[in-house]
Amino acid sequence: MSGDDILRRHLREWADEAGDMARGHFRRTGPLAFKTGREAVTAADRAIETMLRERIAGAYPDDLVVGEEYGGPAPGTDLAGRRVWHLDPIDGTLNFALGLPDFCTSLAAIRDDRVEAACVQQPLVGDTFLALRGGGATLNGVALRVSDRAPLAEAVISAQFKKDGVIVSRPELLQAVFRRPLKVRKAGAIALEMAWVAAGFLDAMVAGFRDTIQTWDVGAGLLLVSEAGGELTDFRGAPYRPGGPRLVASNGLIHAEVLDLLASAGES
């Protein structure tokens, strides 16, 4: 079995284990609890991240891990050439805590800002999105391809409406985002929404944060979209780099129109 085959197997096995754990906690999380920034958190988030860290350490002891719940390597650690796993044990924790089904586990293995492997699993649906760099992207073992819907007026897009984000804070931009596409959707789980762009369920996803977009939120989606034939840039059309605050992921066909929408509303 090749190294890529072993990596794929690990991704599937770890995602399945995380999914089993999430299903066991679903609608049993108790009263809402929040951490810094009024972000929801549950015991399942911590338990799943602990499990994933243990699995990665056992299989790849030289790799490093950055997770939403327990952070990453000590400041000053030299990451050059090192493979670093970025984990979101439950993306869409508020949905999960409320008993809503749109949440997922997201894993991305990154070396020097290049995503090498990715997995997103939505456990209540049973969908596992998986990609290795240069090996394409799959959904439940079937090859993925972004949608062919165009123009933007016929497209369905996702937008991230964070209270302190640039889309909500700019009324003219918010209006343009709603009016130019056919429809706008927001699931509340950016990793899942990027996987849906890769699968062709959505035609684009736009995220404009004030500060860093956490790589554990989008790392897996970056590889899924690119391996499925999509396009990834910042709001100015430059290649997106992990950690950047503004991201457009699309099927490529409507990408220029989305960038024009952003520019016409004064955002770049």
Protein backbone atom coordinates (compact mmCIF):
# COMPACT_ATOMS: atom_id res chain seq x y z
CA MET A 1 0.00 0.00 0.00
CA SER A 2 1.42 3.38 -1.03
CA GLY A 3 1.92 6.30 1.33
CA ASP A 4 -1.00 8.11 -0.31
CA ASP A 5 -3.26 5.09 0.16
CA ILE A 6 -2.31 4.89 3.83
CA LEU A 7 -2.99 8.61 4.25
CA ARG A 8 -6.40 8.29 2.62
CA ARG A 9 -7.22 5.36 4.87
CA HIS A 10 -6.21 7.31 7.95
CA LEU A 11 -8.32 10.29 6.92
CA ARG A 12 -11.38 8.13 6.39
CA GLU A 13 -10.89 6.17 9.60
CA TRP A 14 -10.29 9.26 11.74
CA ALA A 15 -13.25 11.09 10.19
CA ASP A 16 -15.49 8.07 10.78
CA GLU A 17 -14.39 7.90 14.42
CA ALA A 18 -15.02 11.62 14.84
CA GLY A 19 -18.43 11.21 13.22
CA ASP A 20 -19.36 8.39 15.59
CA MET A 21 -18.40 10.57 18.54
CA ALA A 22 -20.37 13.56 17.24
CA ARG A 23 -23.47 11.46 16.65
CA GLY A 24 -23.19 10.11 20.18
CA HIS A 25 -23.28 13.66 21.58
CA PHE A 26 -25.81 15.12 19.15
CA ARG A 27 -28.80 16.68 20.93
CA ARG A 28 -27.25 15.68 24.23
CA THR A 29 -24.96 18.69 24.71
CA GLY A 30 -26.95 20.42 27.45
CA PRO A 31 -27.20 24.20 27.90
CA LEU A 32 -25.30 26.42 25.47
CA ALA A 33 -21.74 27.21 26.55
CA PHE A 34 -19.40 29.76 25.00
CA LYS A 35 -15.67 30.50 24.94
CA THR A 36 -13.78 33.64 23.92
CA GLY A 37 -15.56 35.65 21.22
CA ARG A 38 -18.93 34.10 22.06
CA GLU A 39 -18.03 30.98 20.09
CA ALA A 40 -20.04 27.94 21.13
CA VAL A 41 -18.16 24.96 22.55
CA THR A 42 -19.20 21.50 23.71
CA ALA A 43 -17.57 18.50 25.35
CA ALA A 44 -17.69 16.82 21.93
CA ASP A 45 -15.40 19.47 20.38
CA ARG A 46 -12.74 18.77 22.99
CA ALA A 47 -13.15 15.00 22.95
CA ILE A 48 -12.92 14.77 19.15
CA GLU A 49 -9.87 17.02 18.95
CA THR A 50 -8.15 14.97 21.67
CA MET A 51 -8.85 11.79 19.73
CA LEU A 52 -7.56 13.25 16.46
CA ARG A 53 -4.39 14.49 18.11
CA GLU A 54 -3.77 11.02 19.51
CA ARG A 55 -4.34 9.36 16.13
CA ILE A 56 -2.03 11.77 14.30
CA ALA A 57 0.71 11.39 16.93
CA GLY A 58 0.46 7.62 16.66
CA ALA A 59 0.59 7.49 12.87
CA TYR A 60 2.84 10.49 12.11
CA PRO A 61 4.90 11.31 15.21
CA ASP A 62 6.99 13.95 13.41
CA ASP A 63 3.95 15.98 12.37
CA LEU A 64 2.64 18.98 14.29
CA VAL A 65 -0.97 19.86 15.09
CA VAL A 66 -2.95 23.09 15.33
CA GLY A 67 -6.50 22.69 16.62
CA GLU A 68 -9.34 25.04 17.42
CA GLU A 69 -9.70 23.81 20.98
CA TYR A 70 -6.12 23.24 22.11
CA GLY A 71 -4.03 25.51 19.88
CA GLY A 72 -0.74 24.67 18.24
CA PRO A 73 3.02 24.51 18.69
CA ALA A 74 4.75 26.90 21.07
CA PRO A 75 5.51 30.37 19.67
CA GLY A 76 8.82 30.41 17.86
CA THR A 77 8.58 26.80 16.69
CA ASP A 78 10.22 26.44 13.28
CA LEU A 79 7.50 25.18 10.92
CA ALA A 80 9.55 25.32 7.71
CA GLY A 81 9.25 22.03 5.88
CA ARG A 82 7.14 20.51 8.66
CA ARG A 83 3.73 18.99 8.01
CA VAL A 84 1.16 20.62 10.24
CA TRP A 85 -2.37 19.29 10.74
CA HIS A 86 -5.08 21.93 11.14
CA LEU A 87 -8.12 20.51 12.91
CA ASP A 88 -11.63 21.75 13.51
CA PRO A 89 -13.26 18.93 15.49
CA ILE A 90 -16.73 20.38 14.96
CA ASP A 91 -17.11 23.23 12.50
CA GLY A 92 -20.57 24.65 13.05
CA THR A 93 -20.54 24.02 16.79
CA LEU A 94 -23.49 26.34 17.39
CA ASN A 95 -25.56 24.33 14.91
CA PHE A 96 -24.43 21.14 16.65
CA ALA A 97 -25.28 22.51 20.10
CA LEU A 98 -28.70 23.68 18.89
CA GLY A 99 -29.50 20.28 17.40
CA LEU A 100 -29.17 21.42 13.77
CA PRO A 101 -27.55 19.03 11.25
CA ASP A 102 -25.15 21.33 9.39
CA PHE A 103 -21.84 20.68 11.12
CA CYS A 104 -18.72 18.74 10.19
CA THR A 105 -15.25 17.65 11.19
CA SER A 106 -12.43 19.18 9.13
CA LEU A 107 -8.81 18.02 8.82
CA ALA A 108 -6.09 19.53 6.65
CA ALA A 109 -2.42 18.55 6.44
CA ILE A 110 -0.35 21.55 5.34
CA ARG A 111 3.33 22.01 4.57
CA ASP A 112 4.75 25.47 3.84
CA ASP A 113 1.26 26.90 3.08
CA ARG A 114 0.46 24.08 0.63
CA VAL A 115 -2.44 21.85 1.63
CA GLU A 116 -1.36 18.26 0.99
CA ALA A 117 -4.37 16.31 2.30
CA ALA A 118 -7.89 17.19 3.35
CA CYS A 119 -11.02 15.61 4.74
CA VAL A 120 -14.41 17.05 5.68
CA GLN A 121 -17.11 14.81 7.06
CA GLN A 122 -20.75 15.69 7.72
CA PRO A 123 -21.69 12.81 10.03
CA LEU A 124 -25.48 13.11 10.11
CA VAL A 125 -25.64 12.96 6.31
CA GLY A 126 -22.85 10.41 5.96
CA ASP A 127 -20.85 12.52 3.50
CA THR A 128 -17.05 12.27 3.50
CA PHE A 129 -15.19 14.71 1.24
CA LEU A 130 -11.54 13.76 0.72
CA ALA A 131 -8.63 15.09 -1.34
CA LEU A 132 -4.90 14.59 -1.75
CA ARG A 133 -2.86 17.14 -3.68
CA GLY A 134 -2.63 16.03 -7.30
CA GLY A 135 -5.00 13.12 -6.69
CA GLY A 136 -8.37 14.79 -7.18
CA ALA A 137 -11.24 15.16 -4.74
CA THR A 138 -13.97 12.68 -3.89
CA LEU A 139 -17.31 12.52 -2.11
CA ASN A 140 -17.91 9.07 -0.63
CA GLY A 141 -15.37 7.67 -3.07
CA VAL A 142 -16.87 9.30 -6.19
CA ALA A 143 -14.84 11.94 -8.05
CA LEU A 144 -15.91 15.54 -7.47
CA ARG A 145 -16.19 18.35 -9.96
CA VAL A 146 -17.28 21.93 -9.34
CA SER A 147 -20.54 23.10 -10.91
CA ASP A 148 -20.91 24.52 -14.41
CA ARG A 149 -23.55 27.07 -13.44
CA ALA A 150 -23.06 30.55 -14.85
CA PRO A 151 -23.49 33.47 -15.05
CA LEU A 152 -23.63 34.81 -11.49
CA ALA A 153 -27.29 35.74 -11.95
CA GLU A 154 -28.04 32.00 -12.21
CA ALA A 155 -25.71 30.95 -9.39
CA VAL A 156 -26.27 29.98 -5.78
CA ILE A 157 -23.52 31.20 -3.48
CA SER A 158 -22.60 31.11 0.19
CA ALA A 159 -21.52 34.20 2.09
CA GLN A 160 -20.09 34.41 5.60
CA PHE A 161 -22.05 37.04 7.52
CA LYS A 162 -19.88 37.61 10.59
CA LYS A 163 -21.01 40.53 12.73
CA ASP A 164 -17.62 42.21 12.52
CA GLY A 165 -16.86 41.08 8.98
CA VAL A 166 -16.57 43.34 5.97
CA ILE A 167 -19.75 42.11 4.26
CA VAL A 168 -22.07 42.93 7.16
CA SER A 169 -20.31 46.20 7.98
CA ARG A 170 -20.69 47.51 4.41
CA PRO A 171 -24.41 47.90 3.57
CA GLU A 172 -23.74 48.42 -0.15
CA LEU A 173 -21.64 45.26 -0.26
CA LEU A 174 -24.21 43.28 1.70
CA GLN A 175 -26.91 44.42 -0.72
CA ALA A 176 -24.81 43.50 -3.75
CA VAL A 177 -24.06 40.04 -2.37
CA PHE A 178 -27.77 39.38 -1.94
CA ARG A 179 -29.01 40.95 -5.17
CA ARG A 180 -26.53 39.85 -7.85
CA PRO A 181 -26.63 36.03 -7.52
CA LEU A 182 -29.75 33.95 -7.99
CA LYS A 183 -29.76 32.92 -4.31
CA VAL A 184 -27.56 33.18 -1.21
CA ARG A 185 -27.22 30.50 1.44
CA LYS A 186 -25.33 30.31 4.75
CA ALA A 187 -25.09 27.08 6.68
CA GLY A 188 -22.97 28.35 9.57
CA ALA A 189 -20.10 25.93 8.87
CA ILE A 190 -17.56 27.36 6.45
CA ALA A 191 -15.60 24.09 6.04
CA LEU A 192 -18.79 22.35 4.97
CA GLU A 193 -19.80 25.17 2.65
CA MET A 194 -16.42 25.02 0.89
CA ALA A 195 -16.84 21.26 0.48
CA TRP A 196 -20.22 21.97 -1.10
CA VAL A 197 -18.53 24.31 -3.59
CA ALA A 198 -16.14 21.49 -4.48
CA ALA A 199 -19.08 19.13 -4.93
CA GLY A 200 -20.99 21.57 -7.16
CA PHE A 201 -23.85 21.97 -4.68
CA LEU A 202 -22.91 25.65 -4.35
CA ASP A 203 -21.28 27.75 -7.05
CA ALA A 204 -19.18 30.05 -4.86
CA MET A 205 -18.37 30.98 -1.29
CA VAL A 206 -17.34 34.47 -0.16
CA ALA A 207 -15.75 35.20 3.22
CA GLY A 208 -14.56 38.63 4.31
CA PHE A 209 -13.21 38.72 7.86
CA ARG A 210 -11.67 41.65 9.72
CA ASP A 211 -8.74 39.50 10.74
CA THR A 212 -7.37 36.06 9.95
CA ILE A 213 -9.61 33.34 8.58
CA GLN A 214 -8.50 30.45 10.73
CA THR A 215 -6.81 27.76 8.66
CA TRP A 216 -8.55 25.00 10.59
CA ASP A 217 -11.81 26.41 9.16
CA VAL A 218 -10.81 26.56 5.49
CA GLY A 219 -7.65 24.50 5.00
CA ALA A 220 -9.48 21.35 3.94
CA GLY A 221 -11.85 23.30 1.72
CA LEU A 222 -8.98 24.96 -0.12
CA LEU A 223 -7.67 21.63 -1.36
CA LEU A 224 -11.12 20.19 -2.05
CA VAL A 225 -12.07 23.15 -4.23
CA SER A 226 -8.78 23.27 -6.12
CA GLU A 227 -8.69 19.51 -6.74
CA ALA A 228 -12.31 19.65 -7.96
CA GLY A 229 -11.38 22.24 -10.58
CA GLY A 230 -12.43 25.41 -8.77
CA GLU A 231 -10.72 28.75 -8.24
CA LEU A 232 -9.46 30.36 -5.03
CA THR A 233 -8.38 33.99 -4.59
CA ASP A 234 -8.57 36.93 -2.25
CA PHE A 235 -10.97 39.77 -3.05
CA ARG A 236 -8.45 41.32 -5.48
CA GLY A 237 -7.98 38.14 -7.47
CA ALA A 238 -4.56 37.22 -6.06
CA PRO A 239 -4.02 33.58 -5.06
CA TYR A 240 -5.38 32.96 -1.60
CA ARG A 241 -2.82 32.13 1.08
CA PRO A 242 -3.82 30.38 4.32
CA GLY A 243 -4.43 32.94 7.02
CA GLY A 244 -5.65 35.68 4.71
CA PRO A 245 -8.80 37.56 5.84
CA ARG A 246 -10.65 37.54 2.50
CA LEU A 247 -11.46 34.50 0.41
CA VAL A 248 -13.45 33.73 -2.72
CA ALA A 249 -13.89 30.07 -3.67
CA SER A 250 -15.84 29.36 -6.83
CA ASN A 251 -16.43 27.08 -9.79
CA GLY A 252 -14.19 29.39 -11.81
CA LEU A 253 -16.90 30.27 -14.31
CA ILE A 254 -18.39 33.00 -12.14
CA HIS A 255 -15.20 34.01 -10.34
CA ALA A 256 -14.58 37.19 -12.32
CA GLU A 257 -18.19 38.27 -11.76
CA VAL A 258 -17.87 37.72 -8.01
CA LEU A 259 -14.69 39.81 -7.94
CA ASP A 260 -16.43 42.50 -9.97
CA LEU A 261 -19.33 42.45 -7.51
CA LEU A 262 -16.91 43.04 -4.65
CA ALA A 263 -15.04 45.79 -6.49
CA SER A 264 -18.23 47.56 -7.58
CA ALA A 265 -19.28 47.79 -3.95
CA GLY A 266 -15.93 49.33 -3.05
CA GLU A 267 -14.39 46.24 -1.45
CA SER A 268 -11.00 44.92 -2.48
